[in-house]
N, C-alpha and C. Protein backbone atom coordinates (compact mmCIF):
# COMPACT_ATOMS: atom_id res chain seq x y z
N UNK A 1 0.84 -1.20 0.00
CA UNK A 1 0.00 0.00 0.00
C UNK A 1 0.88 1.25 0.00
N UNK A 2 0.56 2.20 -0.86
CA UNK A 2 1.33 3.44 -0.95
C UNK A 2 0.83 4.41 0.12
N UNK A 3 1.77 4.92 0.91
CA UNK A 3 1.40 5.92 1.91
C UNK A 3 1.10 7.23 1.22
N UNK A 4 0.15 7.97 1.76
CA UNK A 4 -0.18 9.26 1.16
C UNK A 4 1.00 10.22 1.33
N UNK A 5 1.43 10.87 0.25
CA UNK A 5 2.59 11.75 0.34
C UNK A 5 2.26 13.03 1.11
N UNK A 6 3.29 13.63 1.64
CA UNK A 6 3.15 14.93 2.30
C UNK A 6 3.27 16.02 1.25
N UNK A 7 2.41 17.01 1.34
CA UNK A 7 2.47 18.15 0.43
C UNK A 7 3.14 19.31 1.16
N UNK A 8 4.22 19.82 0.57
CA UNK A 8 5.02 20.87 1.19
C UNK A 8 4.94 22.16 0.39
N UNK A 9 4.75 23.27 1.08
CA UNK A 9 4.76 24.59 0.44
C UNK A 9 6.05 25.32 0.83
N UNK A 10 6.91 25.65 -0.14
CA UNK A 10 8.10 26.44 0.15
C UNK A 10 7.74 27.90 0.44
N UNK A 11 8.41 28.49 1.41
CA UNK A 11 8.18 29.90 1.76
C UNK A 11 9.46 30.67 1.45
N UNK A 12 9.38 31.58 0.48
CA UNK A 12 10.55 32.34 0.05
C UNK A 12 10.41 33.83 0.32
N UNK A 13 9.53 34.20 1.25
CA UNK A 13 9.36 35.60 1.57
C UNK A 13 10.54 36.12 2.40
N UNK A 14 10.71 37.44 2.44
CA UNK A 14 11.92 38.02 3.03
C UNK A 14 11.78 38.42 4.50
N UNK A 15 10.57 38.78 4.91
CA UNK A 15 10.42 39.32 6.26
C UNK A 15 9.46 38.49 7.10
N UNK A 16 9.58 38.63 8.40
CA UNK A 16 8.83 37.81 9.36
C UNK A 16 7.32 37.85 9.12
N UNK A 17 6.77 39.05 8.98
CA UNK A 17 5.31 39.18 8.85
C UNK A 17 4.79 38.44 7.62
N UNK A 18 5.47 38.62 6.49
CA UNK A 18 5.02 37.98 5.25
C UNK A 18 5.20 36.47 5.32
N UNK A 19 6.31 36.03 5.92
CA UNK A 19 6.53 34.59 6.09
C UNK A 19 5.40 33.98 6.91
N UNK A 20 5.03 34.63 8.00
CA UNK A 20 3.97 34.10 8.86
C UNK A 20 2.63 34.09 8.14
N UNK A 21 2.37 35.12 7.34
CA UNK A 21 1.12 35.17 6.57
C UNK A 21 1.05 34.02 5.56
N UNK A 22 2.17 33.79 4.86
CA UNK A 22 2.20 32.72 3.85
C UNK A 22 2.10 31.35 4.53
N UNK A 23 2.79 31.20 5.66
CA UNK A 23 2.70 29.93 6.41
C UNK A 23 1.26 29.65 6.82
N UNK A 24 0.58 30.67 7.34
CA UNK A 24 -0.81 30.52 7.76
C UNK A 24 -1.71 30.15 6.58
N UNK A 25 -1.46 30.79 5.44
CA UNK A 25 -2.25 30.51 4.24
C UNK A 25 -1.99 29.08 3.76
N UNK A 26 -0.72 28.65 3.79
CA UNK A 26 -0.37 27.30 3.35
C UNK A 26 -1.03 26.25 4.24
N UNK A 27 -1.00 26.47 5.54
CA UNK A 27 -1.61 25.54 6.49
C UNK A 27 -3.12 25.48 6.25
N UNK A 28 -3.71 26.65 6.04
CA UNK A 28 -5.15 26.72 5.77
C UNK A 28 -5.54 26.03 4.48
N UNK A 29 -4.62 26.04 3.51
CA UNK A 29 -4.91 25.43 2.19
C UNK A 29 -4.74 23.91 2.22
N UNK A 30 -4.17 23.38 3.32
CA UNK A 30 -4.06 21.93 3.44
C UNK A 30 -2.65 21.38 3.33
N UNK A 31 -1.63 22.26 3.33
CA UNK A 31 -0.25 21.76 3.28
C UNK A 31 0.04 20.92 4.52
N UNK A 32 0.82 19.85 4.32
CA UNK A 32 1.21 18.99 5.45
C UNK A 32 2.45 19.51 6.16
N UNK A 33 3.27 20.23 5.42
CA UNK A 33 4.44 20.87 6.02
C UNK A 33 4.85 22.04 5.15
N UNK A 34 5.69 22.92 5.71
CA UNK A 34 6.20 24.07 4.97
C UNK A 34 7.72 23.99 4.94
N UNK A 35 8.29 24.58 3.90
CA UNK A 35 9.75 24.66 3.80
C UNK A 35 10.14 26.11 4.01
N UNK A 36 10.87 26.38 5.07
CA UNK A 36 11.35 27.73 5.32
C UNK A 36 12.68 27.92 4.59
N UNK A 37 12.66 28.76 3.57
CA UNK A 37 13.87 29.05 2.80
C UNK A 37 14.63 30.18 3.50
N UNK A 38 15.53 29.79 4.36
CA UNK A 38 16.31 30.74 5.15
C UNK A 38 17.10 31.67 4.24
N UNK A 39 17.56 31.14 3.11
CA UNK A 39 18.36 31.95 2.18
C UNK A 39 17.60 33.13 1.61
N UNK A 40 16.27 33.10 1.67
CA UNK A 40 15.46 34.20 1.15
C UNK A 40 15.21 35.28 2.20
N UNK A 41 15.51 34.99 3.46
CA UNK A 41 15.23 35.93 4.55
C UNK A 41 16.23 37.08 4.59
N UNK A 42 15.74 38.26 4.98
CA UNK A 42 16.64 39.39 5.19
C UNK A 42 17.43 39.21 6.48
N UNK A 43 16.78 38.66 7.50
CA UNK A 43 17.42 38.44 8.80
C UNK A 43 17.70 36.95 8.96
N UNK A 44 18.96 36.55 8.79
CA UNK A 44 19.32 35.14 8.89
C UNK A 44 20.05 34.82 10.20
N UNK A 45 19.96 35.74 11.16
CA UNK A 45 20.53 35.43 12.48
C UNK A 45 19.85 34.17 13.03
N UNK A 46 20.62 33.17 13.46
CA UNK A 46 20.03 31.90 13.88
C UNK A 46 18.94 32.03 14.94
N UNK A 47 19.12 32.92 15.89
CA UNK A 47 18.10 33.08 16.93
C UNK A 47 16.81 33.66 16.36
N UNK A 48 16.93 34.57 15.40
CA UNK A 48 15.75 35.13 14.73
C UNK A 48 15.03 34.04 13.93
N UNK A 49 15.82 33.20 13.27
CA UNK A 49 15.24 32.11 12.47
C UNK A 49 14.53 31.10 13.39
N UNK A 50 15.16 30.77 14.51
CA UNK A 50 14.53 29.84 15.47
C UNK A 50 13.22 30.42 15.98
N UNK A 51 13.22 31.70 16.31
CA UNK A 51 12.00 32.35 16.79
C UNK A 51 10.90 32.30 15.73
N UNK A 52 11.29 32.52 14.48
CA UNK A 52 10.33 32.46 13.37
C UNK A 52 9.76 31.05 13.22
N UNK A 53 10.62 30.05 13.33
CA UNK A 53 10.17 28.65 13.23
C UNK A 53 9.20 28.33 14.36
N UNK A 54 9.48 28.84 15.54
CA UNK A 54 8.58 28.61 16.69
C UNK A 54 7.24 29.29 16.48
N UNK A 55 7.27 30.46 15.84
CA UNK A 55 6.01 31.17 15.56
C UNK A 55 5.19 30.43 14.49
N UNK A 56 5.86 29.87 13.51
CA UNK A 56 5.15 29.09 12.48
C UNK A 56 4.49 27.88 13.14
N UNK A 57 5.23 27.21 14.01
CA UNK A 57 4.67 26.13 14.84
C UNK A 57 3.92 25.08 14.02
N UNK A 58 4.61 24.54 13.02
CA UNK A 58 4.01 23.56 12.12
C UNK A 58 5.14 22.71 11.57
N UNK A 59 4.87 21.45 11.17
CA UNK A 59 5.93 20.62 10.59
C UNK A 59 6.69 21.38 9.50
N UNK A 60 8.03 21.32 9.58
CA UNK A 60 8.83 22.26 8.80
C UNK A 60 10.13 21.65 8.29
N UNK A 61 10.46 22.00 7.04
CA UNK A 61 11.78 21.71 6.47
C UNK A 61 12.59 23.00 6.53
N UNK A 62 13.78 22.95 7.11
CA UNK A 62 14.68 24.11 7.11
C UNK A 62 15.67 23.95 5.96
N UNK A 63 15.72 24.96 5.10
CA UNK A 63 16.61 24.95 3.94
C UNK A 63 17.34 26.28 3.85
N UNK A 64 18.64 26.22 3.61
CA UNK A 64 19.42 27.44 3.35
C UNK A 64 20.17 27.19 2.05
N UNK A 65 19.45 27.34 0.95
CA UNK A 65 19.90 26.86 -0.35
C UNK A 65 21.14 27.62 -0.85
N UNK A 66 22.12 26.87 -1.34
CA UNK A 66 23.33 27.46 -1.90
C UNK A 66 23.03 28.11 -3.25
N UNK A 67 23.78 29.15 -3.58
CA UNK A 67 23.53 29.88 -4.84
C UNK A 67 23.68 28.98 -6.06
N UNK A 68 24.61 28.03 -5.99
CA UNK A 68 24.85 27.14 -7.14
C UNK A 68 23.64 26.27 -7.47
N UNK A 69 22.72 26.16 -6.52
CA UNK A 69 21.53 25.34 -6.77
C UNK A 69 20.24 26.15 -6.65
N UNK A 70 20.34 27.43 -7.01
CA UNK A 70 19.14 28.26 -7.07
C UNK A 70 18.83 29.04 -5.81
N UNK A 71 19.77 29.08 -4.86
CA UNK A 71 19.53 29.78 -3.60
C UNK A 71 19.98 31.22 -3.64
N UNK A 72 19.75 31.92 -2.51
CA UNK A 72 20.01 33.35 -2.43
C UNK A 72 21.02 33.73 -1.35
N UNK A 73 21.51 32.76 -0.59
CA UNK A 73 22.39 33.10 0.53
C UNK A 73 23.71 33.66 0.03
N UNK A 74 24.10 34.82 0.57
CA UNK A 74 25.26 35.54 0.05
C UNK A 74 26.52 35.34 0.90
N UNK A 75 26.40 34.66 2.04
CA UNK A 75 27.56 34.47 2.91
C UNK A 75 28.42 33.29 2.51
N UNK A 76 29.36 32.96 3.38
CA UNK A 76 30.27 31.84 3.13
C UNK A 76 29.56 30.51 3.39
N UNK A 77 30.18 29.42 2.95
CA UNK A 77 29.64 28.10 3.21
C UNK A 77 29.66 27.79 4.71
N UNK A 78 30.67 28.28 5.40
CA UNK A 78 30.75 28.11 6.85
C UNK A 78 29.55 28.77 7.52
N UNK A 79 29.21 29.97 7.07
CA UNK A 79 28.05 30.69 7.62
C UNK A 79 26.74 30.00 7.24
N UNK A 80 26.64 29.64 5.97
CA UNK A 80 25.39 29.02 5.47
C UNK A 80 25.06 27.75 6.23
N UNK A 81 26.04 26.88 6.36
CA UNK A 81 25.79 25.60 7.03
C UNK A 81 25.73 25.77 8.55
N UNK A 82 26.45 26.76 9.06
CA UNK A 82 26.41 27.03 10.50
C UNK A 82 25.02 27.42 10.98
N UNK A 83 24.31 28.19 10.15
CA UNK A 83 22.93 28.56 10.49
C UNK A 83 22.07 27.31 10.57
N UNK A 84 22.23 26.41 9.60
CA UNK A 84 21.45 25.17 9.61
C UNK A 84 21.74 24.33 10.85
N UNK A 85 23.00 24.28 11.25
CA UNK A 85 23.37 23.52 12.46
C UNK A 85 22.63 24.09 13.68
N UNK A 86 22.61 25.42 13.77
CA UNK A 86 22.01 26.06 14.95
C UNK A 86 20.49 25.92 15.01
N UNK A 87 19.85 25.87 13.84
CA UNK A 87 18.38 25.81 13.84
C UNK A 87 17.85 24.38 13.70
N UNK A 88 18.75 23.43 13.46
CA UNK A 88 18.35 22.06 13.10
C UNK A 88 17.42 21.40 14.11
N UNK A 89 17.65 21.66 15.38
CA UNK A 89 16.87 21.01 16.41
C UNK A 89 15.41 21.44 16.40
N UNK A 90 15.12 22.55 15.73
CA UNK A 90 13.76 23.09 15.69
C UNK A 90 13.03 22.73 14.40
N UNK A 91 13.68 21.94 13.55
CA UNK A 91 13.08 21.56 12.26
C UNK A 91 12.81 20.06 12.24
N UNK A 92 11.74 19.67 11.57
CA UNK A 92 11.44 18.25 11.39
C UNK A 92 12.41 17.62 10.40
N UNK A 93 12.76 18.38 9.36
CA UNK A 93 13.74 17.96 8.37
C UNK A 93 14.69 19.13 8.09
N UNK A 94 15.93 18.81 7.77
CA UNK A 94 16.86 19.81 7.25
C UNK A 94 17.29 19.34 5.86
N UNK A 95 17.19 20.26 4.89
CA UNK A 95 17.60 19.98 3.51
C UNK A 95 19.03 20.50 3.33
N UNK A 96 19.93 19.62 2.94
CA UNK A 96 21.31 20.02 2.66
C UNK A 96 21.74 19.41 1.32
N UNK A 97 22.40 20.20 0.50
CA UNK A 97 22.75 19.77 -0.85
C UNK A 97 23.86 18.72 -0.83
N UNK A 98 23.74 17.76 -1.73
CA UNK A 98 24.75 16.72 -1.88
C UNK A 98 26.12 17.32 -2.19
N UNK A 99 26.14 18.37 -2.99
CA UNK A 99 27.43 18.94 -3.41
C UNK A 99 28.08 19.83 -2.34
N UNK A 100 27.43 20.00 -1.19
CA UNK A 100 28.05 20.73 -0.08
C UNK A 100 29.34 20.02 0.32
N UNK A 101 30.38 20.79 0.60
CA UNK A 101 31.65 20.22 1.05
C UNK A 101 31.40 19.28 2.23
N UNK A 102 32.03 18.12 2.20
CA UNK A 102 31.72 17.06 3.17
C UNK A 102 31.89 17.49 4.63
N UNK A 103 32.87 18.35 4.91
CA UNK A 103 33.08 18.75 6.32
C UNK A 103 31.90 19.59 6.83
N UNK A 104 31.34 20.41 5.95
CA UNK A 104 30.16 21.20 6.35
C UNK A 104 28.90 20.35 6.34
N UNK A 105 28.79 19.52 5.32
CA UNK A 105 27.60 18.66 5.19
C UNK A 105 27.48 17.73 6.38
N UNK A 106 28.57 17.16 6.82
CA UNK A 106 28.56 16.21 7.93
C UNK A 106 28.05 16.83 9.21
N UNK A 107 28.46 18.05 9.48
CA UNK A 107 28.02 18.66 10.74
C UNK A 107 26.53 19.02 10.71
N UNK A 108 26.03 19.36 9.52
CA UNK A 108 24.58 19.61 9.40
C UNK A 108 23.81 18.31 9.63
N UNK A 109 24.27 17.23 9.01
CA UNK A 109 23.61 15.93 9.16
C UNK A 109 23.61 15.49 10.62
N UNK A 110 24.73 15.66 11.29
CA UNK A 110 24.84 15.24 12.69
C UNK A 110 23.91 16.04 13.61
N UNK A 111 23.68 17.30 13.26
CA UNK A 111 22.85 18.17 14.11
C UNK A 111 21.35 17.97 13.89
N UNK A 112 20.99 17.29 12.80
CA UNK A 112 19.59 17.23 12.37
C UNK A 112 18.87 15.99 12.87
N UNK A 113 17.55 16.14 13.12
CA UNK A 113 16.70 15.00 13.47
C UNK A 113 16.53 14.08 12.26
N UNK A 114 16.30 14.71 11.10
CA UNK A 114 16.07 13.97 9.87
C UNK A 114 16.53 14.85 8.71
N UNK A 115 17.18 14.24 7.70
CA UNK A 115 17.74 15.05 6.63
C UNK A 115 17.20 14.66 5.26
N UNK A 116 17.11 15.69 4.41
CA UNK A 116 16.84 15.52 2.99
C UNK A 116 18.14 15.94 2.27
N UNK A 117 18.77 14.99 1.60
CA UNK A 117 19.99 15.31 0.85
C UNK A 117 19.57 15.58 -0.59
N UNK A 118 19.87 16.79 -1.08
CA UNK A 118 19.24 17.22 -2.33
C UNK A 118 20.23 17.54 -3.44
N UNK A 119 19.70 17.48 -4.65
CA UNK A 119 20.44 17.80 -5.87
C UNK A 119 19.50 18.52 -6.82
N UNK A 120 19.95 19.65 -7.37
CA UNK A 120 19.12 20.43 -8.30
C UNK A 120 19.92 20.77 -9.55
N UNK A 121 19.31 20.59 -10.70
CA UNK A 121 19.92 21.01 -11.96
C UNK A 121 18.84 21.72 -12.77
N UNK A 122 18.96 23.05 -12.89
CA UNK A 122 17.95 23.85 -13.57
C UNK A 122 18.18 23.94 -15.08
N UNK A 123 19.25 23.28 -15.55
CA UNK A 123 19.60 23.35 -16.98
C UNK A 123 19.24 22.08 -17.74
N UNK A 124 19.38 20.94 -17.08
CA UNK A 124 19.22 19.67 -17.80
C UNK A 124 18.80 18.57 -16.83
N UNK A 125 18.58 17.37 -17.40
CA UNK A 125 18.31 16.18 -16.60
C UNK A 125 19.42 15.17 -16.87
N UNK A 126 20.19 14.77 -15.86
CA UNK A 126 21.21 13.73 -16.08
C UNK A 126 20.57 12.43 -16.57
N UNK A 127 21.38 11.57 -17.18
CA UNK A 127 20.90 10.28 -17.65
C UNK A 127 20.45 9.41 -16.47
N UNK A 128 19.69 8.38 -16.77
CA UNK A 128 19.12 7.51 -15.73
C UNK A 128 20.19 6.96 -14.79
N UNK A 129 21.28 6.44 -15.35
CA UNK A 129 22.31 5.85 -14.48
C UNK A 129 22.96 6.90 -13.58
N UNK A 130 23.08 8.14 -14.08
CA UNK A 130 23.63 9.22 -13.26
C UNK A 130 22.67 9.58 -12.13
N UNK A 131 21.38 9.64 -12.43
CA UNK A 131 20.39 9.93 -11.39
C UNK A 131 20.41 8.87 -10.30
N UNK A 132 20.54 7.62 -10.71
CA UNK A 132 20.60 6.53 -9.72
C UNK A 132 21.85 6.65 -8.84
N UNK A 133 22.96 7.05 -9.44
CA UNK A 133 24.19 7.26 -8.66
C UNK A 133 24.01 8.38 -7.66
N UNK A 134 23.40 9.48 -8.10
CA UNK A 134 23.14 10.62 -7.22
C UNK A 134 22.28 10.19 -6.04
N UNK A 135 21.19 9.50 -6.33
CA UNK A 135 20.27 9.06 -5.27
C UNK A 135 20.95 8.10 -4.30
N UNK A 136 21.74 7.18 -4.81
CA UNK A 136 22.44 6.24 -3.93
C UNK A 136 23.40 6.96 -2.99
N UNK A 137 24.10 7.97 -3.49
CA UNK A 137 24.99 8.76 -2.65
C UNK A 137 24.19 9.50 -1.57
N UNK A 138 23.07 10.05 -1.99
CA UNK A 138 22.22 10.80 -1.04
C UNK A 138 21.70 9.89 0.07
N UNK A 139 21.27 8.71 -0.31
CA UNK A 139 20.69 7.78 0.67
C UNK A 139 21.74 7.24 1.64
N UNK A 140 22.99 7.20 1.21
CA UNK A 140 24.06 6.80 2.12
C UNK A 140 24.27 7.84 3.22
N UNK A 141 23.92 9.09 2.91
CA UNK A 141 24.21 10.19 3.82
C UNK A 141 23.02 10.58 4.70
N UNK A 142 21.81 10.53 4.16
CA UNK A 142 20.66 11.07 4.88
C UNK A 142 19.46 10.15 4.89
N UNK A 143 18.34 10.68 5.36
CA UNK A 143 17.11 9.89 5.49
C UNK A 143 16.29 9.85 4.20
N UNK A 144 16.26 10.99 3.49
CA UNK A 144 15.49 11.09 2.25
C UNK A 144 16.40 11.66 1.16
N UNK A 145 16.33 11.06 -0.02
CA UNK A 145 17.05 11.58 -1.18
C UNK A 145 16.10 12.47 -1.98
N UNK A 146 16.67 13.56 -2.54
CA UNK A 146 15.84 14.45 -3.37
C UNK A 146 16.63 14.89 -4.59
N UNK A 147 15.99 14.85 -5.74
CA UNK A 147 16.59 15.45 -6.92
C UNK A 147 15.51 16.16 -7.73
N UNK A 148 15.86 17.33 -8.25
CA UNK A 148 14.96 18.11 -9.10
C UNK A 148 15.76 18.53 -10.31
N UNK A 149 15.31 18.14 -11.49
CA UNK A 149 16.07 18.36 -12.72
C UNK A 149 15.17 18.96 -13.80
N UNK A 150 15.82 19.54 -14.83
CA UNK A 150 15.06 20.18 -15.91
C UNK A 150 15.05 19.28 -17.15
N UNK A 151 13.93 18.64 -17.44
CA UNK A 151 13.87 17.72 -18.59
C UNK A 151 13.92 18.47 -19.92
N UNK A 152 14.55 17.82 -20.90
CA UNK A 152 14.61 18.37 -22.25
C UNK A 152 13.62 17.66 -23.18
N UNK A 153 13.14 16.50 -22.73
CA UNK A 153 12.20 15.73 -23.54
C UNK A 153 11.40 14.81 -22.62
N UNK A 154 10.45 14.11 -23.18
CA UNK A 154 9.56 13.27 -22.39
C UNK A 154 10.32 12.12 -21.72
N UNK A 155 11.35 11.59 -22.40
CA UNK A 155 12.13 10.49 -21.82
C UNK A 155 12.79 10.92 -20.51
N UNK A 156 13.24 12.17 -20.44
CA UNK A 156 13.84 12.67 -19.20
C UNK A 156 12.85 12.59 -18.04
N UNK A 157 11.59 12.92 -18.31
CA UNK A 157 10.57 12.88 -17.25
C UNK A 157 10.32 11.43 -16.82
N UNK A 158 10.33 10.51 -17.79
CA UNK A 158 10.12 9.10 -17.48
C UNK A 158 11.29 8.54 -16.67
N UNK A 159 12.50 9.03 -16.94
CA UNK A 159 13.66 8.60 -16.16
C UNK A 159 13.52 9.01 -14.69
N UNK A 160 13.00 10.20 -14.48
CA UNK A 160 12.76 10.67 -13.10
C UNK A 160 11.81 9.71 -12.38
N UNK A 161 10.73 9.37 -13.04
CA UNK A 161 9.74 8.46 -12.44
C UNK A 161 10.31 7.06 -12.24
N UNK A 162 11.16 6.63 -13.16
CA UNK A 162 11.80 5.32 -13.04
C UNK A 162 12.66 5.25 -11.77
N UNK A 163 13.40 6.32 -11.50
CA UNK A 163 14.24 6.35 -10.30
C UNK A 163 13.38 6.30 -9.04
N UNK A 164 12.32 7.09 -9.03
CA UNK A 164 11.42 7.11 -7.86
C UNK A 164 10.78 5.74 -7.66
N UNK A 165 10.44 5.08 -8.76
CA UNK A 165 9.82 3.77 -8.68
C UNK A 165 10.79 2.71 -8.13
N UNK A 166 12.06 2.86 -8.46
CA UNK A 166 13.06 1.89 -8.02
C UNK A 166 13.54 2.12 -6.58
N UNK A 167 13.62 3.39 -6.20
CA UNK A 167 14.27 3.75 -4.93
C UNK A 167 13.25 4.24 -3.90
N UNK A 168 13.30 3.67 -2.70
CA UNK A 168 12.41 4.17 -1.65
C UNK A 168 12.97 5.47 -1.05
N UNK A 169 12.13 6.16 -0.30
CA UNK A 169 12.52 7.41 0.37
C UNK A 169 13.21 8.39 -0.58
N UNK A 170 12.65 8.52 -1.77
CA UNK A 170 13.27 9.38 -2.78
C UNK A 170 12.24 10.34 -3.38
N UNK A 171 12.56 11.63 -3.30
CA UNK A 171 11.75 12.67 -3.93
C UNK A 171 12.37 12.95 -5.29
N UNK A 172 11.61 12.73 -6.35
CA UNK A 172 12.10 12.99 -7.70
C UNK A 172 11.18 13.95 -8.41
N UNK A 173 11.75 15.01 -8.98
CA UNK A 173 10.94 16.05 -9.63
C UNK A 173 11.55 16.40 -10.98
N UNK A 174 10.72 16.36 -12.01
CA UNK A 174 11.09 16.94 -13.31
C UNK A 174 10.42 18.31 -13.36
N UNK A 175 11.23 19.34 -13.45
CA UNK A 175 10.71 20.71 -13.37
C UNK A 175 10.17 21.18 -14.72
N UNK A 176 9.58 22.38 -14.70
CA UNK A 176 9.08 23.00 -15.92
C UNK A 176 7.74 22.43 -16.36
N UNK A 177 7.22 23.00 -17.44
CA UNK A 177 5.93 22.56 -17.97
C UNK A 177 5.96 21.08 -18.36
N UNK A 178 7.06 20.67 -18.97
CA UNK A 178 7.19 19.30 -19.45
C UNK A 178 7.10 18.30 -18.30
N UNK A 179 7.65 18.66 -17.16
CA UNK A 179 7.69 17.74 -16.03
C UNK A 179 6.61 17.95 -14.99
N UNK A 180 5.70 18.87 -15.26
CA UNK A 180 4.68 19.22 -14.26
C UNK A 180 3.93 17.99 -13.74
N UNK A 181 3.61 17.06 -14.62
CA UNK A 181 2.82 15.89 -14.23
C UNK A 181 3.56 15.00 -13.23
N UNK A 182 4.90 15.06 -13.23
CA UNK A 182 5.65 14.20 -12.30
C UNK A 182 5.40 14.57 -10.85
N UNK A 183 4.97 15.80 -10.61
CA UNK A 183 4.74 16.26 -9.24
C UNK A 183 3.54 15.55 -8.59
N UNK A 184 2.64 15.02 -9.41
CA UNK A 184 1.52 14.25 -8.86
C UNK A 184 1.65 12.76 -9.13
N UNK A 185 2.48 12.37 -10.13
CA UNK A 185 2.66 10.95 -10.42
C UNK A 185 3.74 10.34 -9.52
N UNK A 186 4.83 11.07 -9.28
CA UNK A 186 5.90 10.54 -8.43
C UNK A 186 5.38 10.09 -7.05
N UNK A 187 4.47 10.82 -6.42
CA UNK A 187 3.93 10.35 -5.14
C UNK A 187 3.21 9.00 -5.23
N UNK A 188 2.63 8.71 -6.39
CA UNK A 188 1.96 7.42 -6.57
C UNK A 188 2.97 6.27 -6.64
N UNK A 189 4.22 6.62 -6.96
CA UNK A 189 5.28 5.62 -7.05
C UNK A 189 6.10 5.54 -5.77
N UNK A 190 5.69 6.33 -4.75
CA UNK A 190 6.35 6.22 -3.46
C UNK A 190 7.11 7.44 -3.00
N UNK A 191 7.17 8.50 -3.81
CA UNK A 191 7.85 9.72 -3.38
C UNK A 191 7.18 10.27 -2.12
N UNK A 192 7.92 10.45 -1.02
CA UNK A 192 7.29 10.77 0.26
C UNK A 192 6.80 12.21 0.40
N UNK A 193 7.37 13.13 -0.39
CA UNK A 193 7.00 14.55 -0.30
C UNK A 193 6.89 15.11 -1.70
N UNK A 194 5.87 15.95 -1.94
CA UNK A 194 5.81 16.70 -3.18
C UNK A 194 5.63 18.17 -2.83
N UNK A 195 6.15 19.03 -3.68
CA UNK A 195 6.17 20.47 -3.39
C UNK A 195 5.11 21.17 -4.23
N UNK A 196 4.39 22.08 -3.58
CA UNK A 196 3.31 22.81 -4.25
C UNK A 196 3.36 24.27 -3.84
N UNK A 197 2.67 25.10 -4.61
CA UNK A 197 2.71 26.55 -4.36
C UNK A 197 1.35 27.04 -3.86
N UNK A 198 1.33 28.33 -3.53
CA UNK A 198 0.07 28.98 -3.17
C UNK A 198 -0.43 29.86 -4.32
N UNK A 199 0.15 29.67 -5.47
CA UNK A 199 -0.21 30.48 -6.63
C UNK A 199 1.04 30.83 -7.41
N UNK A 200 2.00 31.49 -6.74
CA UNK A 200 3.27 31.79 -7.38
C UNK A 200 4.22 30.62 -7.21
N UNK A 201 4.85 30.19 -8.29
CA UNK A 201 5.74 29.03 -8.23
C UNK A 201 7.07 29.39 -7.57
N UNK A 202 7.57 28.52 -6.67
CA UNK A 202 8.92 28.69 -6.14
C UNK A 202 9.91 27.89 -6.97
N UNK A 203 9.39 27.05 -7.85
CA UNK A 203 10.22 26.30 -8.81
C UNK A 203 9.38 26.08 -10.06
N UNK A 204 10.03 25.99 -11.22
CA UNK A 204 9.28 25.86 -12.48
C UNK A 204 8.38 24.63 -12.51
N UNK A 205 7.10 24.86 -12.83
CA UNK A 205 6.18 23.74 -13.01
C UNK A 205 5.35 23.36 -11.80
N UNK A 206 5.54 24.08 -10.68
CA UNK A 206 4.77 23.72 -9.49
C UNK A 206 3.27 23.96 -9.69
N UNK A 207 2.48 23.03 -9.17
CA UNK A 207 1.03 23.19 -9.09
C UNK A 207 0.68 23.81 -7.75
N UNK A 208 -0.53 24.33 -7.60
CA UNK A 208 -0.88 24.85 -6.28
C UNK A 208 -1.34 23.72 -5.36
N UNK A 209 -1.44 24.05 -4.08
CA UNK A 209 -1.71 23.04 -3.05
C UNK A 209 -3.01 22.30 -3.31
N UNK A 210 -4.07 23.06 -3.54
CA UNK A 210 -5.40 22.43 -3.66
C UNK A 210 -5.47 21.50 -4.87
N UNK A 211 -4.92 21.94 -6.01
CA UNK A 211 -4.92 21.08 -7.20
C UNK A 211 -4.07 19.84 -6.97
N UNK A 212 -2.90 20.02 -6.36
CA UNK A 212 -2.01 18.88 -6.08
C UNK A 212 -2.73 17.87 -5.20
N UNK A 213 -3.35 18.37 -4.15
CA UNK A 213 -4.05 17.50 -3.20
C UNK A 213 -5.21 16.77 -3.87
N UNK A 214 -5.97 17.51 -4.65
CA UNK A 214 -7.16 16.93 -5.30
C UNK A 214 -6.77 15.85 -6.31
N UNK A 215 -5.75 16.13 -7.13
CA UNK A 215 -5.33 15.16 -8.15
C UNK A 215 -4.79 13.89 -7.51
N UNK A 216 -3.91 14.07 -6.50
CA UNK A 216 -3.34 12.90 -5.82
C UNK A 216 -4.43 12.09 -5.14
N UNK A 217 -5.36 12.77 -4.48
CA UNK A 217 -6.46 12.05 -3.81
C UNK A 217 -7.26 11.23 -4.80
N UNK A 218 -7.59 11.83 -5.94
CA UNK A 218 -8.39 11.13 -6.95
C UNK A 218 -7.64 9.92 -7.52
N UNK A 219 -6.37 10.11 -7.78
CA UNK A 219 -5.58 9.02 -8.34
C UNK A 219 -5.36 7.90 -7.33
N UNK A 220 -5.19 8.26 -6.07
CA UNK A 220 -4.91 7.25 -5.06
C UNK A 220 -6.15 6.45 -4.67
N UNK A 221 -7.33 7.09 -4.77
CA UNK A 221 -8.53 6.33 -4.41
C UNK A 221 -9.23 5.75 -5.65
N UNK A 222 -8.52 5.81 -6.78
CA UNK A 222 -9.06 5.23 -8.02
C UNK A 222 -10.15 6.03 -8.64
N UNK A 223 -10.27 7.31 -8.19
CA UNK A 223 -11.28 8.19 -8.78
C UNK A 223 -12.68 7.96 -8.24
N UNK A 224 -12.78 7.15 -7.17
CA UNK A 224 -14.10 6.87 -6.62
C UNK A 224 -14.69 8.07 -5.93
């Protein structure tokens, strides 16, 4: 039996008030958890971030995305990962990129209750065997593997689904219009979390929460 996937809404707002408003809206729309994108915040002081997480008071992924993978954090890698270490105890999951230097990545993993080891490519989709290698490396390091890639053709989207079908605890996303359908099909193959928006996309091809929830529900119950 396939467990129902968790629907996550990323929050990329800059200030406390707007973050809290979006979090409240996401929770009201039916999101199972929210992703706090620390790299998008104006105030990234760890104590301020912890206070914000406590105010949100909902299942949460803490992410401080590196610039090389679509993030906004302007400080050093020591600073970026240090923030994650300090806030980790207040997050249900911490997302850390596979390509993070191992000395920084290790300390984030050690500080976290549960980790999502992630890989993002906004230009292309690696071949199937490369995706499997990426996922295997991620699973050796953390609790959940995640990859989000930009498909160039339909076969690329099918490769994403093939990986998710083969590997447990793996979030696989084909971004953009071409890969939009994978956001609701991958959960049917066992992907534990899918990402949705409140209207504005935080990544190319995202559906909104209500549509994501409705489509997955219909597909999982056979349309009854």
